[in-house]
């Protein structure tokens, strides 16, 4: 069965697996996990095992809205930590 377009560049396949097209190179995005790193003032926040879509062609990474919101919440919480480096696992943060 052909994939069904559900808006923008995201497509829903019959098996309920999303297909996304990279906005930079039009390559195929696949679902995976990544390491998210952000420097906030004097603190470096590292979040492991973050769900994402990664382009197979250029390596661009995209997050769905709920993941981006959770990353924002995690980094805001760790911003107040009295440490230079904070490493957390996304699945338990």
Protein backbone atom coordinates (compact mmCIF):
# COMPACT_ATOMS: atom_id res chain seq x y z
CA UNK A 1 0.00 0.00 0.00
CA UNK A 2 1.22 3.51 -0.78
CA UNK A 3 2.20 5.84 2.08
CA UNK A 4 -0.44 8.41 3.06
CA UNK A 5 0.59 12.08 3.23
CA UNK A 6 -0.40 13.55 6.62
CA UNK A 7 0.99 17.06 6.36
CA UNK A 8 4.21 18.89 5.60
CA UNK A 9 6.93 16.47 4.69
CA UNK A 10 5.78 13.68 7.04
CA UNK A 11 4.06 10.58 5.68
CA UNK A 12 2.33 7.77 7.55
CA UNK A 13 2.96 4.29 6.16
CA UNK A 14 0.51 1.46 6.69
CA UNK A 15 2.74 -0.08 9.41
CA UNK A 16 2.37 3.18 11.42
CA UNK A 17 6.01 4.12 10.76
CA UNK A 18 6.56 7.74 9.87
CA UNK A 19 8.55 8.79 6.83
CA UNK A 20 10.07 12.25 6.85
CA UNK A 21 11.99 14.10 4.18
CA UNK A 22 14.96 16.27 5.19
CA UNK A 23 14.21 19.98 4.75
CA UNK A 24 17.84 20.66 3.77
CA UNK A 25 18.72 17.94 1.25
CA UNK A 26 15.42 16.05 0.69
CA UNK A 27 17.06 12.86 1.96
CA UNK A 28 15.14 10.20 3.87
CA UNK A 29 14.93 10.70 7.64
CA UNK A 30 14.94 7.62 9.86
CA UNK A 31 13.92 7.22 13.48
CA UNK A 32 16.84 6.74 15.89
CA UNK A 33 18.36 8.21 19.06
CA UNK A 34 21.08 10.81 19.46
CA UNK A 35 23.25 12.62 21.97
CA UNK A 36 22.02 16.17 22.70
CA UNK A 37 24.62 18.69 23.93
CA UNK A 38 23.94 22.27 25.02
CA UNK A 39 26.14 24.82 26.75
CA UNK A 40 24.25 26.99 29.25
CA UNK A 41 26.45 29.61 30.86
CA UNK A 42 29.26 27.68 32.51
CA UNK A 43 27.39 24.34 32.44
CA UNK A 44 27.47 21.77 29.63
CA UNK A 45 24.33 19.63 29.53
CA UNK A 46 24.53 16.23 27.81
CA UNK A 47 21.36 14.20 27.30
CA UNK A 48 21.85 10.63 26.07
CA UNK A 49 19.41 8.45 24.08
CA UNK A 50 17.21 11.29 22.79
CA UNK A 51 14.62 10.09 20.23
CA UNK A 52 14.99 11.86 16.89
CA UNK A 53 14.75 11.65 13.13
CA UNK A 54 18.15 11.68 11.39
CA UNK A 55 18.77 12.23 7.68
CA UNK A 56 20.48 9.29 6.02
CA UNK A 57 22.03 11.63 3.45
CA UNK A 58 23.32 14.72 5.31
CA UNK A 59 22.98 13.76 8.99
CA UNK A 60 20.56 16.57 9.93
CA UNK A 61 18.67 15.82 13.15
CA UNK A 62 15.04 16.77 13.85
CA UNK A 63 12.95 16.36 17.01
CA UNK A 64 9.19 16.06 17.32
CA UNK A 65 7.56 18.78 19.44
CA UNK A 66 7.12 16.67 22.59
CA UNK A 67 10.81 15.68 22.58
CA UNK A 68 11.92 19.30 22.01
CA UNK A 69 9.72 20.41 24.94
CA UNK A 70 11.13 17.71 27.21
CA UNK A 71 14.71 18.68 26.26
CA UNK A 72 13.86 22.28 27.13
CA UNK A 73 12.48 21.19 30.53
CA UNK A 74 15.55 19.02 31.24
CA UNK A 75 18.01 21.80 30.36
CA UNK A 76 16.09 24.38 32.42
CA UNK A 77 16.22 22.05 35.43
CA UNK A 78 19.95 21.39 35.00
CA UNK A 79 20.73 25.06 34.36
CA UNK A 80 20.50 25.61 38.12
CA UNK A 81 22.85 22.72 38.94
CA UNK A 82 26.15 23.65 40.51
CA UNK A 83 28.22 21.58 38.12
CA UNK A 84 30.28 22.17 35.02
CA UNK A 85 29.03 19.06 33.20
CA UNK A 86 25.65 17.36 33.66
CA UNK A 87 25.01 14.03 31.91
CA UNK A 88 21.53 12.51 31.99
CA UNK A 89 19.70 9.73 30.19
CA UNK A 90 16.58 10.98 28.34
CA UNK A 91 14.56 7.89 29.29
CA UNK A 92 14.96 8.51 33.04
CA UNK A 93 15.33 12.30 33.20
